[in-house]
Amino acid sequence: MSDTIDRATVQRVARLARLRLSDAEQDSLVDDLQRIVAYVEKLQSVDTSAIQPLVHMTIDAMPARKDVAGQPLGTDKALANAPEAADDAFVVPRVVGS
């Protein structure tokens, strides 16, 4: 496993990002980031010389699903899992005005 990430690195990045991390969080991040770096190093060893670089995605490069109208859901089905409903509508907390 890569040792390029140590506790001092995590502390420096946390300070730059103005994060307060406990000792346990710092230790956890050291482990997580070391695994991420090791995975990236592993990916870099894969031979991609025969792979054409992707410049950008377009509709031609990735076929889109047809936009076809289907049957409407229906009020009963739409409200079936609502936490609260009344008069065929969702009940939500008031957010504007009192």
PDB file of N, CA and C in Angstrom:
ATOM      1  N   MET A   1       0.844  -1.186   0.000  1.00  0.00           N
ATOM      2  CA  MET A   1       0.000   0.000   0.000  1.00  0.00           C
ATOM      3  C   MET A   1       0.884   1.243   0.000  1.00  0.00           C
ATOM      4  N   SER A   2       0.415   2.268  -0.637  1.00  0.00           N
ATOM      5  CA  SER A   2       1.198   3.493  -0.763  1.00  0.00           C
ATOM      6  C   SER A   2       1.273   4.233   0.569  1.00  0.00           C
ATOM      7  N   ASP A   3       2.443   4.764   0.874  1.00  0.00           N
ATOM      8  CA  ASP A   3       2.627   5.536   2.095  1.00  0.00           C
ATOM      9  C   ASP A   3       2.789   7.015   1.775  1.00  0.00           C
ATOM     10  N   THR A   4       2.287   7.456   0.629  1.00  0.00           N
ATOM     11  CA  THR A   4       2.432   8.859   0.245  1.00  0.00           C
ATOM     12  C   THR A   4       1.530   9.761   1.072  1.00  0.00           C
ATOM     13  N   ILE A   5       0.510   9.193   1.699  1.00  0.00           N
ATOM     14  CA  ILE A   5      -0.389   9.975   2.547  1.00  0.00           C
ATOM     15  C   ILE A   5      -0.110   9.596   3.993  1.00  0.00           C
ATOM     16  N   ASP A   6       0.284  10.585   4.780  1.00  0.00           N
ATOM     17  CA  ASP A   6       0.510  10.332   6.194  1.00  0.00           C
ATOM     18  C   ASP A   6      -0.340  11.310   7.008  1.00  0.00           C
ATOM     19  N   ARG A   7      -0.225  11.205   8.305  1.00  0.00           N
ATOM     20  CA  ARG A   7      -1.053  12.042   9.183  1.00  0.00           C
ATOM     21  C   ARG A   7      -0.746  13.531   8.995  1.00  0.00           C
ATOM     22  N   ALA A   8       0.509  13.870   8.765  1.00  0.00           N
ATOM     23  CA  ALA A   8       0.885  15.269   8.559  1.00  0.00           C
ATOM     24  C   ALA A   8       0.218  15.826   7.303  1.00  0.00           C
ATOM     25  N   THR A   9       0.128  14.999   6.260  1.00  0.00           N
ATOM     26  CA  THR A   9      -0.531  15.437   5.018  1.00  0.00           C
ATOM     27  C   THR A   9      -2.006  15.698   5.270  1.00  0.00           C
ATOM     28  N   VAL A  10      -2.668  14.777   5.985  1.00  0.00           N
ATOM     29  CA  VAL A  10      -4.088  14.952   6.302  1.00  0.00           C
ATOM     30  C   VAL A  10      -4.287  16.206   7.147  1.00  0.00           C
ATOM     31  N   GLN A  11      -3.417  16.437   8.121  1.00  0.00           N
ATOM     32  CA  GLN A  11      -3.536  17.626   8.969  1.00  0.00           C
ATOM     33  C   GLN A  11      -3.356  18.904   8.148  1.00  0.00           C
ATOM     34  N   ARG A  12      -2.403  18.879   7.218  1.00  0.00           N
ATOM     35  CA  ARG A  12      -2.154  20.060   6.372  1.00  0.00           C
ATOM     36  C   ARG A  12      -3.357  20.361   5.497  1.00  0.00           C
ATOM     37  N   VAL A  13      -3.909  19.338   4.858  1.00  0.00           N
ATOM     38  CA  VAL A  13      -5.078  19.533   3.993  1.00  0.00           C
ATOM     39  C   VAL A  13      -6.280  19.980   4.823  1.00  0.00           C
ATOM     40  N   ALA A  14      -6.459  19.397   5.989  1.00  0.00           N
ATOM     41  CA  ALA A  14      -7.565  19.794   6.867  1.00  0.00           C
ATOM     42  C   ALA A  14      -7.428  21.259   7.268  1.00  0.00           C
ATOM     43  N   ARG A  15      -6.203  21.678   7.571  1.00  0.00           N
ATOM     44  CA  ARG A  15      -5.975  23.080   7.945  1.00  0.00           C
ATOM     45  C   ARG A  15      -6.287  24.000   6.771  1.00  0.00           C
ATOM     46  N   LEU A  16      -5.844  23.624   5.565  1.00  0.00           N
ATOM     47  CA  LEU A  16      -6.119  24.439   4.376  1.00  0.00           C
ATOM     48  C   LEU A  16      -7.614  24.524   4.076  1.00  0.00           C
ATOM     49  N   ALA A  17      -8.328  23.425   4.350  1.00  0.00           N
ATOM     50  CA  ALA A  17      -9.767  23.390   4.096  1.00  0.00           C
ATOM     51  C   ALA A  17     -10.562  23.906   5.292  1.00  0.00           C
ATOM     52  N   ARG A  18      -9.848  24.305   6.329  1.00  0.00           N
ATOM     53  CA  ARG A  18     -10.465  24.812   7.560  1.00  0.00           C
ATOM     54  C   ARG A  18     -11.423  23.790   8.173  1.00  0.00           C
ATOM     55  N   LEU A  19     -10.932  22.543   8.255  1.00  0.00           N
ATOM     56  CA  LEU A  19     -11.697  21.454   8.852  1.00  0.00           C
ATOM     57  C   LEU A  19     -11.096  21.098  10.196  1.00  0.00           C
ATOM     58  N   ARG A  20     -11.950  20.816  11.148  1.00  0.00           N
ATOM     59  CA  ARG A  20     -11.489  20.314  12.437  1.00  0.00           C
ATOM     60  C   ARG A  20     -11.757  18.824  12.449  1.00  0.00           C
ATOM     61  N   LEU A  21     -10.698  18.044  12.533  1.00  0.00           N
ATOM     62  CA  LEU A  21     -10.820  16.593  12.523  1.00  0.00           C
ATOM     63  C   LEU A  21     -10.302  16.020  13.827  1.00  0.00           C
ATOM     64  N   SER A  22     -11.037  15.078  14.372  1.00  0.00           N
ATOM     65  CA  SER A  22     -10.573  14.390  15.577  1.00  0.00           C
ATOM     66  C   SER A  22      -9.411  13.466  15.193  1.00  0.00           C
ATOM     67  N   ASP A  23      -8.716  12.957  16.215  1.00  0.00           N
ATOM     68  CA  ASP A  23      -7.615  12.033  15.943  1.00  0.00           C
ATOM     69  C   ASP A  23      -8.121  10.798  15.205  1.00  0.00           C
ATOM     70  N   ALA A  24      -9.286  10.298  15.593  1.00  0.00           N
ATOM     71  CA  ALA A  24      -9.851   9.110  14.940  1.00  0.00           C
ATOM     72  C   ALA A  24     -10.193   9.403  13.476  1.00  0.00           C
ATOM     73  N   GLU A  25     -10.732  10.593  13.211  1.00  0.00           N
ATOM     74  CA  GLU A  25     -11.057  10.966  11.830  1.00  0.00           C
ATOM     75  C   GLU A  25      -9.786  11.094  10.986  1.00  0.00           C
ATOM     76  N   GLN A  26      -8.745  11.662  11.575  1.00  0.00           N
ATOM     77  CA  GLN A  26      -7.477  11.785  10.851  1.00  0.00           C
ATOM     78  C   GLN A  26      -6.907  10.411  10.510  1.00  0.00           C
ATOM     79  N   ASP A  27      -6.930   9.496  11.480  1.00  0.00           N
ATOM     80  CA  ASP A  27      -6.426   8.142  11.238  1.00  0.00           C
ATOM     81  C   ASP A  27      -7.242   7.449  10.153  1.00  0.00           C
ATOM     82  N   SER A  28      -8.538   7.616  10.205  1.00  0.00           N
ATOM     83  CA  SER A  28      -9.418   7.000   9.208  1.00  0.00           C
ATOM     84  C   SER A  28      -9.140   7.560   7.819  1.00  0.00           C
ATOM     85  N   LEU A  29      -8.944   8.882   7.735  1.00  0.00           N
ATOM     86  CA  LEU A  29      -8.654   9.501   6.449  1.00  0.00           C
ATOM     87  C   LEU A  29      -7.304   9.063   5.893  1.00  0.00           C
ATOM     88  N   VAL A  30      -6.319   8.890   6.759  1.00  0.00           N
ATOM     89  CA  VAL A  30      -5.013   8.399   6.297  1.00  0.00           C
ATOM     90  C   VAL A  30      -5.204   7.047   5.625  1.00  0.00           C
ATOM     91  N   ASP A  31      -5.934   6.141   6.285  1.00  0.00           N
ATOM     92  CA  ASP A  31      -6.172   4.813   5.721  1.00  0.00           C
ATOM     93  C   ASP A  31      -6.950   4.897   4.412  1.00  0.00           C
ATOM     94  N   ASP A  32      -8.037   5.677   4.405  1.00  0.00           N
ATOM     95  CA  ASP A  32      -8.870   5.795   3.204  1.00  0.00           C
ATOM     96  C   ASP A  32      -8.076   6.371   2.033  1.00  0.00           C
ATOM     97  N   LEU A  33      -7.353   7.449   2.285  1.00  0.00           N
ATOM     98  CA  LEU A  33      -6.606   8.101   1.208  1.00  0.00           C
ATOM     99  C   LEU A  33      -5.459   7.232   0.706  1.00  0.00           C
ATOM    100  N   GLN A  34      -4.824   6.468   1.594  1.00  0.00           N
ATOM    101  CA  GLN A  34      -3.777   5.548   1.154  1.00  0.00           C
ATOM    102  C   GLN A  34      -4.348   4.480   0.224  1.00  0.00           C
ATOM    103  N   ARG A  35      -5.545   3.976   0.553  1.00  0.00           N
ATOM    104  CA  ARG A  35      -6.186   2.979  -0.318  1.00  0.00           C
ATOM    105  C   ARG A  35      -6.561   3.588  -1.665  1.00  0.00           C
ATOM    106  N   ILE A  36      -7.024   4.832  -1.667  1.00  0.00           N
ATOM    107  CA  ILE A  36      -7.380   5.500  -2.926  1.00  0.00           C
ATOM    108  C   ILE A  36      -6.144   5.680  -3.799  1.00  0.00           C
ATOM    109  N   VAL A  37      -5.054   6.160  -3.209  1.00  0.00           N
ATOM    110  CA  VAL A  37      -3.814   6.358  -3.969  1.00  0.00           C
ATOM    111  C   VAL A  37      -3.304   5.026  -4.508  1.00  0.00           C
ATOM    112  N   ALA A  38      -3.371   3.970  -3.702  1.00  0.00           N
ATOM    113  CA  ALA A  38      -2.923   2.645  -4.154  1.00  0.00           C
ATOM    114  C   ALA A  38      -3.777   2.170  -5.325  1.00  0.00           C
ATOM    115  N   TYR A  39      -5.076   2.436  -5.287  1.00  0.00           N
ATOM    116  CA  TYR A  39      -5.961   2.034  -6.376  1.00  0.00           C
ATOM    117  C   TYR A  39      -5.637   2.805  -7.652  1.00  0.00           C
ATOM    118  N   VAL A  40      -5.371   4.094  -7.527  1.00  0.00           N
ATOM    119  CA  VAL A  40      -5.006   4.905  -8.696  1.00  0.00           C
ATOM    120  C   VAL A  40      -3.686   4.410  -9.276  1.00  0.00           C
ATOM    121  N   GLU A  41      -2.735   4.071  -8.420  1.00  0.00           N
ATOM    122  CA  GLU A  41      -1.461   3.515  -8.899  1.00  0.00           C
ATOM    123  C   GLU A  41      -1.696   2.211  -9.646  1.00  0.00           C
ATOM    124  N   LYS A  42      -2.597   1.394  -9.157  1.00  0.00           N
ATOM    125  CA  LYS A  42      -2.930   0.141  -9.828  1.00  0.00           C
ATOM    126  C   LYS A  42      -3.560   0.420 -11.192  1.00  0.00           C
ATOM    127  N   LEU A  43      -4.456   1.409 -11.256  1.00  0.00           N
ATOM    128  CA  LEU A  43      -5.080   1.771 -12.524  1.00  0.00           C
ATOM    129  C   LEU A  43      -4.050   2.272 -13.533  1.00  0.00           C
ATOM    130  N   GLN A  44      -3.037   2.977 -13.059  1.00  0.00           N
ATOM    131  CA  GLN A  44      -2.012   3.502 -13.952  1.00  0.00           C
ATOM    132  C   GLN A  44      -1.186   2.393 -14.600  1.00  0.00           C
ATOM    133  N   SER A  45      -1.190   1.207 -14.016  1.00  0.00           N
ATOM    134  CA  SER A  45      -0.427   0.100 -14.588  1.00  0.00           C
ATOM    135  C   SER A  45      -1.181  -0.601 -15.725  1.00  0.00           C
ATOM    136  N   VAL A  46      -2.432  -0.266 -15.948  1.00  0.00           N
ATOM    137  CA  VAL A  46      -3.224  -0.888 -17.009  1.00  0.00           C
ATOM    138  C   VAL A  46      -2.795  -0.320 -18.363  1.00  0.00           C
ATOM    139  N   ASP A  47      -2.576  -1.222 -19.328  1.00  0.00           N
ATOM    140  CA  ASP A  47      -2.175  -0.807 -20.673  1.00  0.00           C
ATOM    141  C   ASP A  47      -3.396  -0.278 -21.425  1.00  0.00           C
ATOM    142  N   THR A  48      -3.394   1.012 -21.697  1.00  0.00           N
ATOM    143  CA  THR A  48      -4.501   1.634 -22.433  1.00  0.00           C
ATOM    144  C   THR A  48      -4.043   2.160 -23.791  1.00  0.00           C
ATOM    145  N   SER A  49      -2.907   1.670 -24.266  1.00  0.00           N
ATOM    146  CA  SER A  49      -2.356   2.185 -25.524  1.00  0.00           C
ATOM    147  C   SER A  49      -3.271   1.911 -26.718  1.00  0.00           C
ATOM    148  N   ALA A  50      -4.086   0.862 -26.655  1.00  0.00           N
ATOM    149  CA  ALA A  50      -4.982   0.537 -27.775  1.00  0.00           C
ATOM    150  C   ALA A  50      -6.349   1.206 -27.634  1.00  0.00           C
ATOM    151  N   ILE A  51      -6.539   1.975 -26.588  1.00  0.00           N
ATOM    152  CA  ILE A  51      -7.824   2.634 -26.345  1.00  0.00           C
ATOM    153  C   ILE A  51      -7.780   4.039 -26.922  1.00  0.00           C
ATOM    154  N   GLN A  52      -8.790   4.357 -27.711  1.00  0.00           N
ATOM    155  CA  GLN A  52      -8.897   5.691 -28.306  1.00  0.00           C
ATOM    156  C   GLN A  52      -9.337   6.683 -27.224  1.00  0.00           C
ATOM    157  N   PRO A  53      -8.656   7.812 -27.073  1.00  0.00           N
ATOM    158  CA  PRO A  53      -9.069   8.796 -26.059  1.00  0.00           C
ATOM    159  C   PRO A  53     -10.453   9.362 -26.377  1.00  0.00           C
ATOM    160  N   LEU A  54     -11.218   9.630 -25.330  1.00  0.00           N
ATOM    161  CA  LEU A  54     -12.545  10.215 -25.478  1.00  0.00           C
ATOM    162  C   LEU A  54     -12.421  11.718 -25.306  1.00  0.00           C
ATOM    163  N   VAL A  55     -12.759  12.466 -26.347  1.00  0.00           N
ATOM    164  CA  VAL A  55     -12.637  13.914 -26.300  1.00  0.00           C
ATOM    165  C   VAL A  55     -13.876  14.534 -25.666  1.00  0.00           C
ATOM    166  N   HIS A  56     -15.050  14.108 -26.125  1.00  0.00           N
ATOM    167  CA  HIS A  56     -16.287  14.609 -25.534  1.00  0.00           C
ATOM    168  C   HIS A  56     -17.423  13.652 -25.852  1.00  0.00           C
ATOM    169  N   MET A  57     -18.455  13.727 -25.061  1.00  0.00           N
ATOM    170  CA  MET A  57     -19.636  12.887 -25.274  1.00  0.00           C
ATOM    171  C   MET A  57     -20.637  13.661 -26.121  1.00  0.00           C
ATOM    172  N   THR A  58     -21.198  12.996 -27.090  1.00  0.00           N
ATOM    173  CA  THR A  58     -22.255  13.586 -27.901  1.00  0.00           C
ATOM    174  C   THR A  58     -23.380  12.579 -28.027  1.00  0.00           C
ATOM    175  N   ILE A  59     -24.498  13.034 -28.533  1.00  0.00           N
ATOM    176  CA  ILE A  59     -25.625  12.139 -28.759  1.00  0.00           C
ATOM    177  C   ILE A  59     -25.207  11.009 -29.694  1.00  0.00           C
ATOM    178  N   ASP A  60     -24.355  11.312 -30.688  1.00  0.00           N
ATOM    179  CA  ASP A  60     -23.900  10.291 -31.630  1.00  0.00           C
ATOM    180  C   ASP A  60     -23.075   9.216 -30.928  1.00  0.00           C
ATOM    181  N   ALA A  61     -22.294   9.625 -29.935  1.00  0.00           N
ATOM    182  CA  ALA A  61     -21.428   8.672 -29.252  1.00  0.00           C
ATOM    183  C   ALA A  61     -22.213   7.807 -28.274  1.00  0.00           C
ATOM    184  N   MET A  62     -23.280   8.324 -27.731  1.00  0.00           N
ATOM    185  CA  MET A  62     -24.070   7.584 -26.760  1.00  0.00           C
ATOM    186  C   MET A  62     -25.542   7.701 -27.139  1.00  0.00           C
ATOM    187  N   PRO A  63     -26.147   6.642 -27.664  1.00  0.00           N
ATOM    188  CA  PRO A  63     -27.536   6.744 -28.085  1.00  0.00           C
ATOM    189  C   PRO A  63     -28.449   7.051 -26.898  1.00  0.00           C
ATOM    190  N   ALA A  64     -29.345   7.983 -27.106  1.00  0.00           N
ATOM    191  CA  ALA A  64     -30.266   8.383 -26.058  1.00  0.00           C
ATOM    192  C   ALA A  64     -31.549   7.566 -26.159  1.00  0.00           C
ATOM    193  N   ARG A  65     -32.197   7.391 -25.044  1.00  0.00           N
ATOM    194  CA  ARG A  65     -33.476   6.699 -24.999  1.00  0.00           C
ATOM    195  C   ARG A  65     -34.537   7.574 -25.660  1.00  0.00           C
ATOM    196  N   LYS A  66     -35.431   6.979 -26.380  1.00  0.00           N
ATOM    197  CA  LYS A  66     -36.517   7.732 -27.016  1.00  0.00           C
ATOM    198  C   LYS A  66     -37.404   8.331 -25.939  1.00  0.00           C
ATOM    199  N   ASP A  67     -37.828   9.560 -26.157  1.00  0.00           N
ATOM    200  CA  ASP A  67     -38.725  10.236 -25.239  1.00  0.00           C
ATOM    201  C   ASP A  67     -40.149   9.941 -25.678  1.00  0.00           C
ATOM    202  N   VAL A  68     -40.747   8.932 -25.075  1.00  0.00           N
ATOM    203  CA  VAL A  68     -42.078   8.489 -25.465  1.00  0.00           C
ATOM    204  C   VAL A  68     -43.017   8.653 -24.272  1.00  0.00           C
ATOM    205  N   ALA A  69     -44.144   9.278 -24.508  1.00  0.00           N
ATOM    206  CA  ALA A  69     -45.129   9.463 -23.450  1.00  0.00           C
ATOM    207  C   ALA A  69     -45.746   8.123 -23.091  1.00  0.00           C
ATOM    208  N   GLY A  70     -45.927   7.886 -21.815  1.00  0.00           N
ATOM    209  CA  GLY A  70     -46.544   6.650 -21.340  1.00  0.00           C
ATOM    210  C   GLY A  70     -47.825   6.969 -20.594  1.00  0.00           C
ATOM    211  N   GLN A  71     -48.339   5.947 -19.946  1.00  0.00           N
ATOM    212  CA  GLN A  71     -49.548   6.135 -19.156  1.00  0.00           C
ATOM    213  C   GLN A  71     -49.225   6.994 -17.930  1.00  0.00           C
ATOM    214  N   PRO A  72     -50.110   7.913 -17.569  1.00  0.00           N
ATOM    215  CA  PRO A  72     -49.869   8.716 -16.358  1.00  0.00           C
ATOM    216  C   PRO A  72     -49.909   7.821 -15.121  1.00  0.00           C
ATOM    217  N   LEU A  73     -49.224   8.252 -14.075  1.00  0.00           N
ATOM    218  CA  LEU A  73     -49.110   7.476 -12.851  1.00  0.00           C
ATOM    219  C   LEU A  73     -50.448   7.357 -12.125  1.00  0.00           C
ATOM    220  N   GLY A  74     -51.205   8.407 -12.078  1.00  0.00           N
ATOM    221  CA  GLY A  74     -52.473   8.395 -11.343  1.00  0.00           C
ATOM    222  C   GLY A  74     -52.283   8.912  -9.929  1.00  0.00           C
ATOM    223  N   THR A  75     -53.278   9.615  -9.454  1.00  0.00           N
ATOM    224  CA  THR A  75     -53.199  10.259  -8.140  1.00  0.00           C
ATOM    225  C   THR A  75     -53.011   9.252  -7.023  1.00  0.00           C
ATOM    226  N   ASP A  76     -53.779   8.169  -7.036  1.00  0.00           N
ATOM    227  CA  ASP A  76     -53.687   7.185  -5.953  1.00  0.00           C
ATOM    228  C   ASP A  76     -52.286   6.591  -5.843  1.00  0.00           C
ATOM    229  N   LYS A  77     -51.677   6.224  -6.971  1.00  0.00           N
ATOM    230  CA  LYS A  77     -50.327   5.668  -6.945  1.00  0.00           C
ATOM    231  C   LYS A  77     -49.299   6.711  -6.538  1.00  0.00           C
ATOM    232  N   ALA A  78     -49.469   7.939  -7.042  1.00  0.00           N
ATOM    233  CA  ALA A  78     -48.513   9.009  -6.727  1.00  0.00           C
ATOM    234  C   ALA A  78     -48.502   9.318  -5.236  1.00  0.00           C
ATOM    235  N   LEU A  79     -49.659   9.256  -4.594  1.00  0.00           N
ATOM    236  CA  LEU A  79     -49.762   9.608  -3.175  1.00  0.00           C
ATOM    237  C   LEU A  79     -49.617   8.399  -2.253  1.00  0.00           C
ATOM    238  N   ALA A  80     -49.476   7.208  -2.808  1.00  0.00           N
ATOM    239  CA  ALA A  80     -49.460   5.986  -2.000  1.00  0.00           C
ATOM    240  C   ALA A  80     -48.359   5.988  -0.940  1.00  0.00           C
ATOM    241  N   ASN A  81     -47.175   6.500  -1.254  1.00  0.00           N
ATOM    242  CA  ASN A  81     -46.062   6.495  -0.301  1.00  0.00           C
ATOM    243  C   ASN A  81     -45.796   7.859   0.318  1.00  0.00           C
ATOM    244  N   ALA A  82     -46.692   8.805   0.109  1.00  0.00           N
ATOM    245  CA  ALA A  82     -46.498  10.141   0.676  1.00  0.00           C
ATOM    246  C   ALA A  82     -46.629  10.079   2.195  1.00  0.00           C
ATOM    247  N   PRO A  83     -45.744  10.767   2.927  1.00  0.00           N
ATOM    248  CA  PRO A  83     -45.871  10.798   4.388  1.00  0.00           C
ATOM    249  C   PRO A  83     -47.206  11.391   4.827  1.00  0.00           C
ATOM    250  N   GLU A  84     -47.693  12.369   4.049  1.00  0.00           N
ATOM    251  CA  GLU A  84     -48.975  12.997   4.378  1.00  0.00           C
ATOM    252  C   GLU A  84     -49.601  13.520   3.092  1.00  0.00           C
ATOM    253  N   ALA A  85     -50.896  13.265   2.927  1.00  0.00           N
ATOM    254  CA  ALA A  85     -51.627  13.729   1.749  1.00  0.00           C
ATOM    255  C   ALA A  85     -53.014  14.177   2.181  1.00  0.00           C
ATOM    256  N   ALA A  86     -53.572  15.126   1.457  1.00  0.00           N
ATOM    257  CA  ALA A  86     -54.928  15.605   1.723  1.00  0.00           C
ATOM    258  C   ALA A  86     -55.497  16.183   0.437  1.00  0.00           C
ATOM    259  N   ASP A  87     -56.760  15.927   0.164  1.00  0.00           N
ATOM    260  CA  ASP A  87     -57.448  16.462  -1.014  1.00  0.00           C
ATOM    261  C   ASP A  87     -56.666  16.183  -2.299  1.00  0.00           C
ATOM    262  N   ASP A  88     -56.227  14.930  -2.468  1.00  0.00           N
ATOM    263  CA  ASP A  88     -55.495  14.521  -3.665  1.00  0.00           C
ATOM    264  C   ASP A  88     -54.234  15.346  -3.919  1.00  0.00           C
ATOM    265  N   ALA A  89     -53.516  15.719  -2.851  1.00  0.00           N
ATOM    266  CA  ALA A  89     -52.289  16.498  -2.988  1.00  0.00           C
ATOM    267  C   ALA A  89     -51.317  16.111  -1.875  1.00  0.00           C
ATOM    268  N   PHE A  90     -50.025  16.356  -2.102  1.00  0.00           N
ATOM    269  CA  PHE A  90     -49.013  16.161  -1.081  1.00  0.00           C
ATOM    270  C   PHE A  90     -49.133  17.272  -0.060  1.00  0.00           C
ATOM    271  N   VAL A  91     -48.993  16.950   1.219  1.00  0.00           N
ATOM    272  CA  VAL A  91     -48.966  17.960   2.273  1.00  0.00           C
ATOM    273  C   VAL A  91     -47.503  18.159   2.646  1.00  0.00           C
ATOM    274  N   VAL A  92     -47.027  19.419   2.543  1.00  0.00           N
ATOM    275  CA  VAL A  92     -45.640  19.747   2.850  1.00  0.00           C
ATOM    276  C   VAL A  92     -45.607  20.903   3.836  1.00  0.00           C
ATOM    277  N   PRO A  93     -44.503  21.050   4.565  1.00  0.00           N
ATOM    278  CA  PRO A  93     -44.405  22.180   5.508  1.00  0.00           C
ATOM    279  C   PRO A  93     -44.403  23.516   4.753  1.00  0.00           C
ATOM    280  N   ARG A  94     -45.018  24.508   5.368  1.00  0.00           N
ATOM    281  CA  ARG A  94     -45.028  25.841   4.786  1.00  0.00           C
ATOM    282  C   ARG A  94     -43.622  26.424   4.865  1.00  0.00           C
ATOM    283  N   VAL A  95     -43.112  26.979   3.746  1.00  0.00           N
ATOM    284  CA  VAL A  95     -41.766  27.537   3.731  1.00  0.00           C
ATOM    285  C   VAL A  95     -41.759  29.026   3.431  1.00  0.00           C
ATOM    286  N   VAL A  96     -42.867  29.574   2.957  1.00  0.00           N
ATOM    287  CA  VAL A  96     -42.931  30.993   2.641  1.00  0.00           C
ATOM    288  C   VAL A  96     -44.057  31.611   3.476  1.00  0.00           C
ATOM    289  N   GLY A  97     -43.719  32.663   4.199  1.00  0.00           N
ATOM    290  CA  GLY A  97     -44.733  33.353   4.984  1.00  0.00           C
ATOM    291  C   GLY A  97     -45.165  32.531   6.191  1.00  0.00           C
ATOM    292  N   SER A  98     -45.995  33.137   7.029  1.00  0.00           N
ATOM    293  CA  SER A  98     -46.494  32.418   8.212  1.00  0.00           C
ATOM    294  C   SER A  98     -47.969  32.578   8.354  1.00  0.00           C
TER     295      SER A  98
END
